[in-house]
All heavy atoms as atom14 arrays in JSON, in Angstrom:
{
  "sequence": "WRALPCDAGDIEAVVVTHAHLDHCGYLPRLVRH",
  "atom14_mask": [
    [1, 1, 1, 1, 1, 1, 1, 1, 1, 1, 1, 1, 1, 1],
    [1, 1, 1, 1, 1, 1, 1, 1, 1, 1, 1, 0, 0, 0],
    [1, 1, 1, 1, 1, 0, 0, 0, 0, 0, 0, 0, 0, 0],
    [1, 1, 1, 1, 1, 1, 1, 1, 0, 0, 0, 0, 0, 0],
    [1, 1, 1, 1, 1, 1, 1, 0, 0, 0, 0, 0, 0, 0],
    [1, 1, 1, 1, 1, 1, 0, 0, 0, 0, 0, 0, 0, 0],
    [1, 1, 1, 1, 1, 1, 1, 1, 0, 0, 0, 0, 0, 0],
    [1, 1, 1, 1, 1, 0, 0, 0, 0, 0, 0, 0, 0, 0],
    [1, 1, 1, 1, 0, 0, 0, 0, 0, 0, 0, 0, 0, 0],
    [1, 1, 1, 1, 1, 1, 1, 1, 0, 0, 0, 0, 0, 0],
    [1, 1, 1, 1, 1, 1, 1, 1, 0, 0, 0, 0, 0, 0],
    [1, 1, 1, 1, 1, 1, 1, 1, 1, 0, 0, 0, 0, 0],
    [1, 1, 1, 1, 1, 0, 0, 0, 0, 0, 0, 0, 0, 0],
    [1, 1, 1, 1, 1, 1, 1, 0, 0, 0, 0, 0, 0, 0],
    [1, 1, 1, 1, 1, 1, 1, 0, 0, 0, 0, 0, 0, 0],
    [1, 1, 1, 1, 1, 1, 1, 0, 0, 0, 0, 0, 0, 0],
    [1, 1, 1, 1, 1, 1, 1, 0, 0, 0, 0, 0, 0, 0],
    [1, 1, 1, 1, 1, 1, 1, 1, 1, 1, 0, 0, 0, 0],
    [1, 1, 1, 1, 1, 0, 0, 0, 0, 0, 0, 0, 0, 0],
    [1, 1, 1, 1, 1, 1, 1, 1, 1, 1, 0, 0, 0, 0],
    [1, 1, 1, 1, 1, 1, 1, 1, 0, 0, 0, 0, 0, 0],
    [1, 1, 1, 1, 1, 1, 1, 1, 0, 0, 0, 0, 0, 0],
    [1, 1, 1, 1, 1, 1, 1, 1, 1, 1, 0, 0, 0, 0],
    [1, 1, 1, 1, 1, 1, 0, 0, 0, 0, 0, 0, 0, 0],
    [1, 1, 1, 1, 0, 0, 0, 0, 0, 0, 0, 0, 0, 0],
    [1, 1, 1, 1, 1, 1, 1, 1, 1, 1, 1, 1, 0, 0],
    [1, 1, 1, 1, 1, 1, 1, 1, 0, 0, 0, 0, 0, 0],
    [1, 1, 1, 1, 1, 1, 1, 0, 0, 0, 0, 0, 0, 0],
    [1, 1, 1, 1, 1, 1, 1, 1, 1, 1, 1, 0, 0, 0],
    [1, 1, 1, 1, 1, 1, 1, 1, 0, 0, 0, 0, 0, 0],
    [1, 1, 1, 1, 1, 1, 1, 0, 0, 0, 0, 0, 0, 0],
    [1, 1, 1, 1, 1, 1, 1, 1, 1, 1, 1, 0, 0, 0],
    [1, 1, 1, 1, 1, 1, 1, 1, 1, 1, 0, 0, 0, 0]
  ],
  "atom14_positions": [
    [[0.82, -1.21, 0.0], [0.0, 0.0, 0.0], [0.85, 1.27, 0.0], [0.33, 2.37, -0.1], [-0.93, -0.01, 1.22], [-1.89, -1.14, 1.19], [-1.73, -2.38, 1.74], [-3.17, -1.16, 0.57], [-2.82, -3.17, 1.5], [-3.74, -2.45, 0.78], [-3.91, -0.22, -0.15], [-4.99, -2.81, 0.3], [-5.16, -0.58, -0.63], [-5.69, -1.85, -0.41]],
    [[2.16, 1.1, 0.12], [3.07, 2.26, 0.16], [3.23, 2.85, -1.23], [3.37, 2.14, -2.22], [4.43, 1.79, 0.71], [5.47, 2.9, 0.82], [6.78, 2.31, 1.33], [7.32, 1.31, 0.41], [8.44, 0.63, 0.61], [9.12, 0.81, 1.74], [8.87, -0.25, -0.29], [0.0, 0.0, 0.0], [0.0, 0.0, 0.0], [0.0, 0.0, 0.0]],
    [[3.23, 4.18, -1.32], [3.4, 4.85, -2.61], [4.83, 4.7, -3.09], [5.79, 4.68, -2.3], [3.06, 6.32, -2.48], [0.0, 0.0, 0.0], [0.0, 0.0, 0.0], [0.0, 0.0, 0.0], [0.0, 0.0, 0.0], [0.0, 0.0, 0.0], [0.0, 0.0, 0.0], [0.0, 0.0, 0.0], [0.0, 0.0, 0.0], [0.0, 0.0, 0.0]],
    [[5.0, 4.57, -4.4], [6.34, 4.53, -4.98], [6.97, 5.92, -4.92], [6.26, 6.93, -4.84], [6.27, 4.06, -6.44], [5.78, 2.63, -6.68], [5.77, 2.33, -8.17], [6.64, 1.63, -5.95], [0.0, 0.0, 0.0], [0.0, 0.0, 0.0], [0.0, 0.0, 0.0], [0.0, 0.0, 0.0], [0.0, 0.0, 0.0], [0.0, 0.0, 0.0]],
    [[8.3, 6.01, -4.99], [8.97, 7.32, -4.87], [8.88, 8.16, -6.13], [9.44, 9.25, -6.17], [10.42, 6.93, -4.57], [10.59, 5.6, -5.2], [9.27, 4.91, -5.03], [0.0, 0.0, 0.0], [0.0, 0.0, 0.0], [0.0, 0.0, 0.0], [0.0, 0.0, 0.0], [0.0, 0.0, 0.0], [0.0, 0.0, 0.0], [0.0, 0.0, 0.0]],
    [[8.19, 7.66, -7.16], [7.99, 8.46, -8.37], [6.57, 8.24, -8.86], [5.89, 7.29, -8.46], [9.0, 8.07, -9.46], [8.75, 6.4, -10.12], [0.0, 0.0, 0.0], [0.0, 0.0, 0.0], [0.0, 0.0, 0.0], [0.0, 0.0, 0.0], [0.0, 0.0, 0.0], [0.0, 0.0, 0.0], [0.0, 0.0, 0.0], [0.0, 0.0, 0.0]],
    [[6.11, 9.13, -9.73], [4.78, 9.02, -10.3], [4.75, 7.83, -11.26], [5.61, 7.71, -12.13], [4.44, 10.32, -11.05], [2.97, 10.39, -11.43], [2.43, 9.37, -11.89], [2.38, 11.46, -11.27], [0.0, 0.0, 0.0], [0.0, 0.0, 0.0], [0.0, 0.0, 0.0], [0.0, 0.0, 0.0], [0.0, 0.0, 0.0], [0.0, 0.0, 0.0]],
    [[3.76, 6.95, -11.07], [3.65, 5.77, -11.95], [3.56, 6.18, -13.42], [4.05, 5.47, -14.3], [2.44, 4.94, -11.55], [0.0, 0.0, 0.0], [0.0, 0.0, 0.0], [0.0, 0.0, 0.0], [0.0, 0.0, 0.0], [0.0, 0.0, 0.0], [0.0, 0.0, 0.0], [0.0, 0.0, 0.0], [0.0, 0.0, 0.0], [0.0, 0.0, 0.0]],
    [[2.94, 7.32, -13.69], [2.81, 7.78, -15.07], [4.11, 8.2, -15.7], [4.19, 8.36, -16.93], [0.0, 0.0, 0.0], [0.0, 0.0, 0.0], [0.0, 0.0, 0.0], [0.0, 0.0, 0.0], [0.0, 0.0, 0.0], [0.0, 0.0, 0.0], [0.0, 0.0, 0.0], [0.0, 0.0, 0.0], [0.0, 0.0, 0.0], [0.0, 0.0, 0.0]],
    [[5.15, 8.41, -14.9], [6.46, 8.82, -15.43], [7.35, 7.63, -15.78], [8.46, 7.82, -16.28], [7.19, 9.7, -14.41], [6.52, 11.06, -14.24], [5.8, 11.48, -15.18], [6.71, 11.69, -13.19], [0.0, 0.0, 0.0], [0.0, 0.0, 0.0], [0.0, 0.0, 0.0], [0.0, 0.0, 0.0], [0.0, 0.0, 0.0], [0.0, 0.0, 0.0]],
    [[6.9, 6.42, -15.49], [7.67, 5.22, -15.82], [7.37, 4.84, -17.26], [6.21, 4.63, -17.63], [7.35, 4.07, -14.85], [7.72, 4.46, -13.41], [8.08, 2.79, -15.26], [7.28, 3.44, -12.37], [0.0, 0.0, 0.0], [0.0, 0.0, 0.0], [0.0, 0.0, 0.0], [0.0, 0.0, 0.0], [0.0, 0.0, 0.0], [0.0, 0.0, 0.0]],
    [[8.41, 4.77, -18.09], [8.2, 4.47, -19.51], [7.95, 2.99, -19.77], [7.21, 2.63, -20.68], [9.41, 4.91, -20.34], [9.47, 6.4, -20.62], [10.19, 7.18, -19.54], [10.52, 6.59, -18.48], [10.44, 8.37, -19.75], [0.0, 0.0, 0.0], [0.0, 0.0, 0.0], [0.0, 0.0, 0.0], [0.0, 0.0, 0.0], [0.0, 0.0, 0.0]],
    [[8.6, 2.12, -19.0], [8.49, 0.69, -19.27], [8.76, -0.11, -18.01], [9.45, 0.34, -17.09], [9.48, 0.27, -20.36], [0.0, 0.0, 0.0], [0.0, 0.0, 0.0], [0.0, 0.0, 0.0], [0.0, 0.0, 0.0], [0.0, 0.0, 0.0], [0.0, 0.0, 0.0], [0.0, 0.0, 0.0], [0.0, 0.0, 0.0], [0.0, 0.0, 0.0]],
    [[8.17, -1.32, -17.97], [8.46, -2.3, -16.93], [8.96, -3.56, -17.62], [8.33, -4.04, -18.58], [7.22, -2.64, -16.08], [7.58, -3.68, -15.02], [6.65, -1.39, -15.42], [0.0, 0.0, 0.0], [0.0, 0.0, 0.0], [0.0, 0.0, 0.0], [0.0, 0.0, 0.0], [0.0, 0.0, 0.0], [0.0, 0.0, 0.0], [0.0, 0.0, 0.0]],
    [[10.08, -4.07, -17.17], [10.6, -5.35, -17.66], [10.26, -6.41, -16.62], [10.61, -6.26, -15.44], [12.13, -5.29, -17.88], [12.66, -6.65, -18.29], [12.48, -4.23, -18.92], [0.0, 0.0, 0.0], [0.0, 0.0, 0.0], [0.0, 0.0, 0.0], [0.0, 0.0, 0.0], [0.0, 0.0, 0.0], [0.0, 0.0, 0.0], [0.0, 0.0, 0.0]],
    [[9.56, -7.47, -17.02], [9.15, -8.53, -16.1], [9.95, -9.78, -16.42], [9.89, -10.3, -17.54], [7.64, -8.82, -16.22], [7.25, -9.99, -15.32], [6.84, -7.57, -15.84], [0.0, 0.0, 0.0], [0.0, 0.0, 0.0], [0.0, 0.0, 0.0], [0.0, 0.0, 0.0], [0.0, 0.0, 0.0], [0.0, 0.0, 0.0], [0.0, 0.0, 0.0]],
    [[10.69, -10.29, -15.42], [11.55, -11.45, -15.65], [10.77, -12.76, -15.71], [11.15, -13.66, -16.44], [12.64, -11.56, -14.58], [12.03, -11.7, -13.28], [13.55, -10.34, -14.6], [0.0, 0.0, 0.0], [0.0, 0.0, 0.0], [0.0, 0.0, 0.0], [0.0, 0.0, 0.0], [0.0, 0.0, 0.0], [0.0, 0.0, 0.0], [0.0, 0.0, 0.0]],
    [[9.69, -12.87, -14.93], [8.87, -14.08, -15.0], [7.55, -13.84, -14.29], [7.32, -12.78, -13.7], [9.61, -15.29, -14.44], [9.92, -15.23, -12.99], [10.9, -14.42, -12.45], [9.38, -15.89, -11.93], [10.97, -14.58, -11.15], [10.05, -15.47, -10.81], [0.0, 0.0, 0.0], [0.0, 0.0, 0.0], [0.0, 0.0, 0.0], [0.0, 0.0, 0.0]],
    [[6.67, -14.85, -14.33], [5.26, -14.65, -13.97], [4.91, -14.95, -12.53], [3.73, -14.94, -12.18], [4.37, -15.5, -14.9], [0.0, 0.0, 0.0], [0.0, 0.0, 0.0], [0.0, 0.0, 0.0], [0.0, 0.0, 0.0], [0.0, 0.0, 0.0], [0.0, 0.0, 0.0], [0.0, 0.0, 0.0], [0.0, 0.0, 0.0], [0.0, 0.0, 0.0]],
    [[5.87, -15.19, -11.66], [5.51, -15.38, -10.26], [5.02, -14.07, -9.66], [5.5, -12.99, -10.01], [6.71, -15.92, -9.47], [6.86, -17.4, -9.55], [8.09, -18.03, -9.57], [5.94, -18.4, -9.63], [7.92, -19.35, -9.66], [6.62, -19.58, -9.69], [0.0, 0.0, 0.0], [0.0, 0.0, 0.0], [0.0, 0.0, 0.0], [0.0, 0.0, 0.0]],
    [[4.09, -14.17, -8.7], [3.42, -13.01, -8.16], [4.38, -12.02, -7.51], [4.16, -10.8, -7.55], [2.37, -13.47, -7.13], [1.27, -12.49, -6.74], [0.39, -12.15, -7.94], [0.43, -13.06, -5.6], [0.0, 0.0, 0.0], [0.0, 0.0, 0.0], [0.0, 0.0, 0.0], [0.0, 0.0, 0.0], [0.0, 0.0, 0.0], [0.0, 0.0, 0.0]],
    [[5.45, -12.53, -6.92], [6.41, -11.64, -6.25], [7.29, -10.89, -7.25], [8.14, -10.09, -6.84], [7.27, -12.42, -5.25], [7.97, -13.62, -5.85], [7.53, -14.1, -6.91], [8.96, -14.08, -5.27], [0.0, 0.0, 0.0], [0.0, 0.0, 0.0], [0.0, 0.0, 0.0], [0.0, 0.0, 0.0], [0.0, 0.0, 0.0], [0.0, 0.0, 0.0]],
    [[7.08, -11.12, -8.55], [7.81, -10.39, -9.58], [6.9, -9.62, -10.53], [7.37, -8.74, -11.24], [8.7, -11.35, -10.38], [9.85, -11.88, -9.6], [11.14, -11.38, -9.7], [9.91, -12.86, -8.67], [11.94, -12.04, -8.88], [11.22, -12.94, -8.24], [0.0, 0.0, 0.0], [0.0, 0.0, 0.0], [0.0, 0.0, 0.0], [0.0, 0.0, 0.0]],
    [[5.6, -9.96, -10.54], [4.69, -9.26, -11.46], [3.39, -8.81, -10.8], [2.6, -8.09, -11.42], [4.38, -10.13, -12.68], [3.26, -11.53, -12.33], [0.0, 0.0, 0.0], [0.0, 0.0, 0.0], [0.0, 0.0, 0.0], [0.0, 0.0, 0.0], [0.0, 0.0, 0.0], [0.0, 0.0, 0.0], [0.0, 0.0, 0.0], [0.0, 0.0, 0.0]],
    [[3.14, -9.21, -9.56], [1.83, -9.03, -8.96], [1.44, -7.62, -8.61], [0.26, -7.35, -8.3], [0.0, 0.0, 0.0], [0.0, 0.0, 0.0], [0.0, 0.0, 0.0], [0.0, 0.0, 0.0], [0.0, 0.0, 0.0], [0.0, 0.0, 0.0], [0.0, 0.0, 0.0], [0.0, 0.0, 0.0], [0.0, 0.0, 0.0], [0.0, 0.0, 0.0]],
    [[2.38, -6.66, -8.66], [2.05, -5.25, -8.36], [1.65, -4.49, -9.62], [1.2, -3.35, -9.53], [3.25, -4.58, -7.69], [2.97, -3.21, -7.1], [2.4, -3.07, -5.84], [3.3, -2.05, -7.81], [2.16, -1.83, -5.29], [3.06, -0.79, -7.26], [2.48, -0.69, -6.01], [2.24, 0.56, -5.47], [0.0, 0.0, 0.0], [0.0, 0.0, 0.0]],
    [[1.78, -5.11, -10.79], [1.52, -4.4, -12.04], [0.14, -3.75, -12.11], [0.04, -2.56, -12.49], [1.7, -5.36, -13.23], [3.14, -5.64, -13.66], [3.17, -6.79, -14.66], [3.79, -4.4, -14.28], [0.0, 0.0, 0.0], [0.0, 0.0, 0.0], [0.0, 0.0, 0.0], [0.0, 0.0, 0.0], [0.0, 0.0, 0.0], [0.0, 0.0, 0.0]],
    [[-0.95, -4.44, -11.77], [-2.25, -3.77, -11.85], [-2.38, -2.58, -10.9], [-3.1, -1.62, -11.2], [-3.24, -4.89, -11.48], [-2.52, -6.16, -11.8], [-1.09, -5.87, -11.45], [0.0, 0.0, 0.0], [0.0, 0.0, 0.0], [0.0, 0.0, 0.0], [0.0, 0.0, 0.0], [0.0, 0.0, 0.0], [0.0, 0.0, 0.0], [0.0, 0.0, 0.0]],
    [[-1.69, -2.64, -9.78], [-1.69, -1.49, -8.86], [-0.96, -0.31, -9.52], [-1.39, 0.84, -9.4], [-1.0, -1.88, -7.56], [-0.97, -0.79, -6.49], [-2.31, -0.57, -5.87], [-2.27, 0.39, -4.78], [-3.34, 0.8, -4.11], [-4.54, 0.31, -4.41], [-3.23, 1.68, -3.13], [0.0, 0.0, 0.0], [0.0, 0.0, 0.0], [0.0, 0.0, 0.0]],
    [[0.15, -0.61, -10.19], [0.9, 0.43, -10.89], [0.02, 1.06, -11.98], [0.02, 2.29, -12.16], [2.16, -0.17, -11.5], [3.22, 0.8, -12.01], [3.92, 1.49, -10.84], [4.25, 0.07, -12.87], [0.0, 0.0, 0.0], [0.0, 0.0, 0.0], [0.0, 0.0, 0.0], [0.0, 0.0, 0.0], [0.0, 0.0, 0.0], [0.0, 0.0, 0.0]],
    [[-0.71, 0.24, -12.69], [-1.61, 0.74, -13.74], [-2.74, 1.55, -13.12], [-3.12, 2.61, -13.65], [-2.16, -0.44, -14.57], [-3.29, -0.01, -15.48], [-1.03, -1.08, -15.38], [0.0, 0.0, 0.0], [0.0, 0.0, 0.0], [0.0, 0.0, 0.0], [0.0, 0.0, 0.0], [0.0, 0.0, 0.0], [0.0, 0.0, 0.0], [0.0, 0.0, 0.0]],
    [[-3.26, 1.11, -12.0], [-4.31, 1.88, -11.31], [-3.82, 3.28, -10.97], [-4.59, 4.25, -10.98], [-4.77, 1.14, -10.06], [-5.76, 1.91, -9.21], [-6.28, 1.1, -8.04], [-7.38, 0.23, -8.45], [-8.31, -0.23, -7.59], [-8.26, 0.08, -6.31], [-9.28, -1.02, -8.03], [0.0, 0.0, 0.0], [0.0, 0.0, 0.0], [0.0, 0.0, 0.0]],
    [[-2.52, 3.4, -10.69], [-1.96, 4.7, -10.31], [-1.45, 5.5, -11.51], [-0.81, 6.54, -11.32], [-0.84, 4.51, -9.29], [-1.34, 4.26, -7.9], [-1.87, 5.24, -7.1], [-1.44, 3.11, -7.18], [-2.24, 4.73, -5.94], [-2.0, 3.43, -5.97], [0.0, 0.0, 0.0], [0.0, 0.0, 0.0], [0.0, 0.0, 0.0], [0.0, 0.0, 0.0]]
  ]
}
């Protein structure tokens, strides 16, 4: 629930190494922001 130190809209790209939740599970939250 903690805010990231930058605006999510300022991030140009996310590189995802694999599909486990601890590596990709925050993506929808990032998109929500």
